[in-house]
C-alpha atoms as a PDB file:
ATOM      1  CA  MET A   1     174.234 149.272   4.669  1.00  0.00           C
ATOM      2  CA  GLY A   2     176.354 147.409   2.539  1.00  0.00           C
ATOM      3  CA  ILE A   3     177.047 144.240   0.627  1.00  0.00           C
ATOM      4  CA  ARG A   4     180.149 143.639   2.626  1.00  0.00           C
ATOM      5  CA  ASN A   5     180.342 145.397   6.312  1.00  0.00           C
ATOM      6  CA  TYR A   6     183.191 145.704   8.411  1.00  0.00           C
ATOM      7  CA  LEU A   7     183.526 146.805  12.286  1.00  0.00           C
ATOM      8  CA  ILE A   8     186.292 149.119  13.321  1.00  0.00           C
ATOM      9  CA  GLY A   9     187.040 149.015  17.060  1.00  0.00           C
ATOM     10  CA  GLY A  10     189.478 149.921  19.778  1.00  0.00           C
ATOM     11  CA  VAL A  11     189.729 151.409  22.965  1.00  0.00           C
ATOM     12  CA  SER A  12     189.419 154.971  23.845  1.00  0.00           C
ATOM     13  CA  GLY A  13     191.560 157.475  21.745  1.00  0.00           C
ATOM     14  CA  ALA A  14     192.455 154.656  19.391  1.00  0.00           C
ATOM     15  CA  GLY A  15     191.005 156.577  16.400  1.00  0.00           C
ATOM     16  CA  LYS A  16     187.997 154.965  15.578  1.00  0.00           C
ATOM     17  CA  THR A  17     186.098 158.450  14.937  1.00  0.00           C
ATOM     18  CA  THR A  18     189.179 159.770  13.242  1.00  0.00           C
ATOM     19  CA  VAL A  19     189.305 156.468  10.767  1.00  0.00           C
ATOM     20  CA  CYS A  20     185.704 156.861  10.114  1.00  0.00           C
ATOM     21  CA  ASN A  21     185.775 160.459   9.025  1.00  0.00           C
ATOM     22  CA  GLU A  22     188.590 159.595   7.052  1.00  0.00           C
ATOM     23  CA  LEU A  23     186.752 156.824   5.319  1.00  0.00           C
ATOM     24  CA  GLN A  24     183.766 159.259   4.867  1.00  0.00           C
ATOM     25  CA  ARG A  25     186.176 161.885   3.479  1.00  0.00           C
ATOM     26  CA  ARG A  26     187.421 159.098   0.870  1.00  0.00           C
ATOM     27  CA  GLY A  27     183.974 158.372  -0.128  1.00  0.00           C
ATOM     28  CA  TYR A  28     183.129 155.362   1.765  1.00  0.00           C
ATOM     29  CA  HIS A  29     179.781 154.616   3.627  1.00  0.00           C
ATOM     30  CA  ALA A  30     180.824 154.860   7.311  1.00  0.00           C
ATOM     31  CA  ILE A  31     178.703 154.603  10.438  1.00  0.00           C
ATOM     32  CA  HIS A  32     180.011 156.821  13.564  1.00  0.00           C
ATOM     33  CA  GLY A  33     178.606 153.948  15.835  1.00  0.00           C
ATOM     34  CA  ASP A  34     179.194 155.650  19.155  1.00  0.00           C
ATOM     35  CA  ARG A  35     177.114 158.809  17.652  1.00  0.00           C
ATOM     36  CA  GLU A  36     174.429 156.896  15.439  1.00  0.00           C
ATOM     37  CA  LEU A  37     173.793 153.770  17.322  1.00  0.00           C
ATOM     38  CA  ALA A  38     174.541 154.062  20.730  1.00  0.00           C
ATOM     39  CA  TYR A  39     172.641 154.360  23.811  1.00  0.00           C
ATOM     40  CA  GLN A  40     173.081 153.351  27.439  1.00  0.00           C
ATOM     41  CA  GLY A  41     171.373 150.036  28.300  1.00  0.00           C
ATOM     42  CA  ASP A  42     172.376 146.437  29.599  1.00  0.00           C
ATOM     43  CA  PRO A  43     174.325 144.650  27.323  1.00  0.00           C
ATOM     44  CA  GLU A  44     172.616 141.430  27.917  1.00  0.00           C
ATOM     45  CA  THR A  45     168.925 142.574  27.335  1.00  0.00           C
ATOM     46  CA  GLY A  46     169.480 146.039  25.627  1.00  0.00           C
ATOM     47  CA  THR A  47     167.150 147.697  28.212  1.00  0.00           C
ATOM     48  CA  PRO A  48     168.007 151.204  28.363  1.00  0.00           C
ATOM     49  CA  THR A  49     169.604 152.295  31.819  1.00  0.00           C
ATOM     50  CA  ASP A  50     169.682 155.733  33.393  1.00  0.00           C
ATOM     51  CA  GLY A  51     173.012 157.623  33.907  1.00  0.00           C
ATOM     52  CA  PHE A  52     176.441 156.760  32.153  1.00  0.00           C
ATOM     53  CA  LYS A  53     178.488 153.698  32.878  1.00  0.00           C
ATOM     54  CA  PRO A  54     181.231 152.459  30.342  1.00  0.00           C
ATOM     55  CA  GLU A  55     179.855 148.793  30.435  1.00  0.00           C
ATOM     56  CA  HIS A  56     176.512 150.093  29.511  1.00  0.00           C
ATOM     57  CA  HIS A  57     177.429 151.809  26.190  1.00  0.00           C
ATOM     58  CA  ILE A  58     175.774 149.716  23.627  1.00  0.00           C
ATOM     59  CA  TRP A  59     174.539 149.885  20.103  1.00  0.00           C
ATOM     60  CA  HIS A  60     170.684 149.209  19.185  1.00  0.00           C
ATOM     61  CA  VAL A  61     171.030 145.649  17.788  1.00  0.00           C
ATOM     62  CA  ASP A  62     167.964 145.926  15.702  1.00  0.00           C
ATOM     63  CA  LYS A  63     169.341 148.859  13.959  1.00  0.00           C
ATOM     64  CA  VAL A  64     172.911 147.270  13.262  1.00  0.00           C
ATOM     65  CA  LYS A  65     170.919 144.158  11.856  1.00  0.00           C
ATOM     66  CA  ALA A  66     168.697 146.409   9.757  1.00  0.00           C
ATOM     67  CA  LEU A  67     171.925 148.611   8.395  1.00  0.00           C
ATOM     68  CA  VAL A  68     173.554 145.300   7.595  1.00  0.00           C
ATOM     69  CA  ALA A  69     170.676 143.850   5.828  1.00  0.00           C
ATOM     70  CA  ASN A  70     170.197 146.869   3.740  1.00  0.00           C
ATOM     71  CA  GLN A  71     172.639 146.335   0.493  1.00  0.00           C
ATOM     72  CA  ASP A  72     172.618 149.923  -1.265  1.00  0.00           C
ATOM     73  CA  GLU A  73     176.185 150.300  -0.434  1.00  0.00           C
ATOM     74  CA  ALA A  74     178.996 148.096  -1.786  1.00  0.00           C
ATOM     75  CA  VAL A  75     180.899 148.653   1.479  1.00  0.00           C
ATOM     76  CA  THR A  76     179.852 149.897   4.557  1.00  0.00           C
ATOM     77  CA  PHE A  77     182.207 150.553   7.806  1.00  0.00           C
ATOM     78  CA  PHE A  78     180.699 150.475  11.403  1.00  0.00           C
ATOM     79  CA  CYS A  79     183.063 152.707  13.584  1.00  0.00           C
ATOM     80  CA  GLY A  80     183.137 152.621  17.329  1.00  0.00           C
ATOM     81  CA  GLY A  81     182.664 150.866  20.370  1.00  0.00           C
ATOM     82  CA  SER A  82     179.916 148.932  21.742  1.00  0.00           C
ATOM     83  CA  ARG A  83     179.657 146.385  25.016  1.00  0.00           C
ATOM     84  CA  ASN A  84     177.114 144.214  23.155  1.00  0.00           C
ATOM     85  CA  PHE A  85     179.129 143.498  20.123  1.00  0.00           C
ATOM     86  CA  PRO A  86     178.770 139.883  20.535  1.00  0.00           C
ATOM     87  CA  LYS A  87     175.037 140.310  19.747  1.00  0.00           C
ATOM     88  CA  PHE A  88     175.970 141.100  16.200  1.00  0.00           C
ATOM     89  CA  ILE A  89     179.978 140.567  15.573  1.00  0.00           C
ATOM     90  CA  ASP A  90     178.829 137.657  13.382  1.00  0.00           C
ATOM     91  CA  LEU A  91     177.180 139.872  11.028  1.00  0.00           C
ATOM     92  CA  PHE A  92     180.388 141.490   9.495  1.00  0.00           C
ATOM     93  CA  ASP A  93     182.606 140.305   7.128  1.00  0.00           C
ATOM     94  CA  ASP A  94     185.603 141.232   9.029  1.00  0.00           C
ATOM     95  CA  VAL A  95     186.424 143.261  12.156  1.00  0.00           C
ATOM     96  CA  PHE A  96     189.552 145.565  12.747  1.00  0.00           C
ATOM     97  CA  VAL A  97     190.958 146.563  16.005  1.00  0.00           C
ATOM     98  CA  LEU A  98     192.866 150.147  16.039  1.00  0.00           C
ATOM     99  CA  GLU A  99     195.453 149.242  18.465  1.00  0.00           C
ATOM    100  CA  ILE A 100     197.867 151.734  20.382  1.00  0.00           C
ATOM    101  CA  ASP A 101     199.489 152.045  23.367  1.00  0.00           C
ATOM    102  CA  LEU A 102     198.484 153.550  26.595  1.00  0.00           C
ATOM    103  CA  GLU A 103     200.414 156.614  26.556  1.00  0.00           C
ATOM    104  CA  THR A 104     199.083 157.426  23.054  1.00  0.00           C
ATOM    105  CA  SER A 105     195.587 156.354  24.118  1.00  0.00           C
ATOM    106  CA  LEU A 106     195.636 158.923  27.188  1.00  0.00           C
ATOM    107  CA  ARG A 107     197.432 161.780  25.120  1.00  0.00           C
ATOM    108  CA  ARG A 108     194.381 161.617  22.449  1.00  0.00           C
ATOM    109  CA  ILE A 109     191.692 161.496  24.937  1.00  0.00           C
ATOM    110  CA  ASP A 110     193.520 164.595  26.742  1.00  0.00           C
ATOM    111  CA  GLU A 111     193.587 166.429  22.919  1.00  0.00           C
ATOM    112  CA  ARG A 112     189.943 165.479  22.629  1.00  0.00           C
ATOM    113  CA  VAL A 113     188.835 166.839  26.023  1.00  0.00           C
ATOM    114  CA  ALA A 114     190.741 170.158  25.441  1.00  0.00           C
ATOM    115  CA  LEU A 115     188.426 170.672  22.540  1.00  0.00           C
ATOM    116  CA  ASP A 116     185.335 169.549  24.273  1.00  0.00           C
ATOM    117  CA  PRO A 117     185.772 169.406  28.008  1.00  0.00           C
ATOM    118  CA  THR A 118     182.338 167.493  28.179  1.00  0.00           C
ATOM    119  CA  ASP A 119     183.951 164.512  26.254  1.00  0.00           C
ATOM    120  CA  TRP A 120     184.605 161.211  27.371  1.00  0.00           C
ATOM    121  CA  GLY A 121     188.036 160.941  29.515  1.00  0.00           C
ATOM    122  CA  GLY A 122     187.579 164.601  30.921  1.00  0.00           C
ATOM    123  CA  ARG A 123     187.158 163.717  34.699  1.00  0.00           C
ATOM    124  CA  PRO A 124     189.715 161.706  36.600  1.00  0.00           C
ATOM    125  CA  GLU A 125     187.351 158.779  37.425  1.00  0.00           C
ATOM    126  CA  GLU A 126     186.860 158.560  33.449  1.00  0.00           C
ATOM    127  CA  ARG A 127     190.822 158.879  32.703  1.00  0.00           C
ATOM    128  CA  GLU A 128     191.223 155.865  35.433  1.00  0.00           C
ATOM    129  CA  ILE A 129     188.231 153.805  33.693  1.00  0.00           C
ATOM    130  CA  SER A 130     190.054 154.306  30.294  1.00  0.00           C
ATOM    131  CA  ALA A 131     193.274 153.312  31.815  1.00  0.00           C
ATOM    132  CA  ARG A 132     191.714 149.884  33.147  1.00  0.00           C
ATOM    133  CA  MET A 133     189.834 149.379  29.878  1.00  0.00           C
ATOM    134  CA  TYR A 134     192.995 149.707  27.980  1.00  0.00           C
ATOM    135  CA  GLN A 135     194.670 147.122  30.444  1.00  0.00           C
ATOM    136  CA  THR A 136     191.703 144.822  30.291  1.00  0.00           C
ATOM    137  CA  LYS A 137     190.687 145.378  26.483  1.00  0.00           C
ATOM    138  CA  GLU A 138     187.181 145.262  28.108  1.00  0.00           C
ATOM    139  CA  GLY A 139     184.593 145.711  25.085  1.00  0.00           C
ATOM    140  CA  VAL A 140     187.151 145.322  22.371  1.00  0.00           C
ATOM    141  CA  PRO A 141     186.603 142.002  19.918  1.00  0.00           C
ATOM    142  CA  LYS A 142     189.283 139.513  20.828  1.00  0.00           C
ATOM    143  CA  ASN A 143     189.707 137.934  17.419  1.00  0.00           C
ATOM    144  CA  GLY A 144     189.857 141.325  15.107  1.00  0.00           C
ATOM    145  CA  ILE A 145     192.538 141.822  12.658  1.00  0.00           C
ATOM    146  CA  ILE A 146     195.388 144.263  14.329  1.00  0.00           C
ATOM    147  CA  ILE A 147     195.778 147.605  13.115  1.00  0.00           C
ATOM    148  CA  ASP A 148     198.734 149.817  14.149  1.00  0.00           C
ATOM    149  CA  ALA A 149     196.890 152.919  14.772  1.00  0.00           C
ATOM    150  CA  THR A 150     199.940 154.870  16.128  1.00  0.00           C
ATOM    151  CA  ALA A 151     200.743 155.676  12.206  1.00  0.00           C
ATOM    152  CA  PRO A 152     199.059 158.702  10.691  1.00  0.00           C
ATOM    153  CA  ILE A 153     195.658 158.067   9.680  1.00  0.00           C
ATOM    154  CA  ALA A 154     196.189 158.126   6.000  1.00  0.00           C
ATOM    155  CA  HIS A 155     198.219 154.885   6.789  1.00  0.00           C
ATOM    156  CA  VAL A 156     195.826 153.315   8.947  1.00  0.00           C
ATOM    157  CA  VAL A 157     193.022 153.702   6.747  1.00  0.00           C
ATOM    158  CA  ASP A 158     195.212 152.491   3.773  1.00  0.00           C
ATOM    159  CA  GLU A 159     196.282 149.197   5.641  1.00  0.00           C
ATOM    160  CA  ILE A 160     192.361 148.492   6.653  1.00  0.00           C
ATOM    161  CA  LEU A 161     191.607 149.005   3.004  1.00  0.00           C
ATOM    162  CA  HIS A 162     194.498 146.770   2.179  1.00  0.00           C
ATOM    163  CA  GLN A 163     193.621 144.177   4.541  1.00  0.00           C
ATOM    164  CA  ILE A 164     190.126 143.937   2.987  1.00  0.00           C
ATOM    165  CA  GLU A 165     191.582 143.518  -0.447  1.00  0.00           C
ATOM    166  CA  ALA A 166     193.910 141.043   0.504  1.00  0.00           C
ATOM    167  CA  ASN A 167     191.199 138.960   2.116  1.00  0.00           C
ATOM    168  CA  GLU A 168     188.961 139.515  -0.818  1.00  0.00           C
ATOM    169  CA  ARG A 169     191.778 137.645  -3.163  1.00  0.00           C
ATOM    170  CA  GLN A 170     191.728 134.583  -0.716  1.00  0.00           C
END
């Protein structure tokens, strides 16, 4: 939905949702991909699947393409994780990867689950999957611009916006 489109990803607990909320608070057009675009499906074919598996957490490719093609906004941020991001990553002007340490990831997951026990990471097997995904960086773009997401949220968002401005000047 933007003339310029950016993807913001990272492991569970990295702050993708918090960054999205802060961008929206500042007046930017930001999409909660994990809420608005995600479903359970085969990452290769897009065919919906039953049950929940992290490796089947994908976004509707056609919806992403339609939102990118719509140029009603100057800038749109797509925030969240998707196992099929290789199907649409080339549509983005830049990709930002929120980076945190494992301790911070697990602490943030615990804080999130304390507010909503049904949220991802509340069960021991989900916590193990989160730790494994942190170690392997499964589902996280490899060539994104790294942002230290252990910093306060205002600084994280300021850094993303600074990187965008710097890239535009080049």
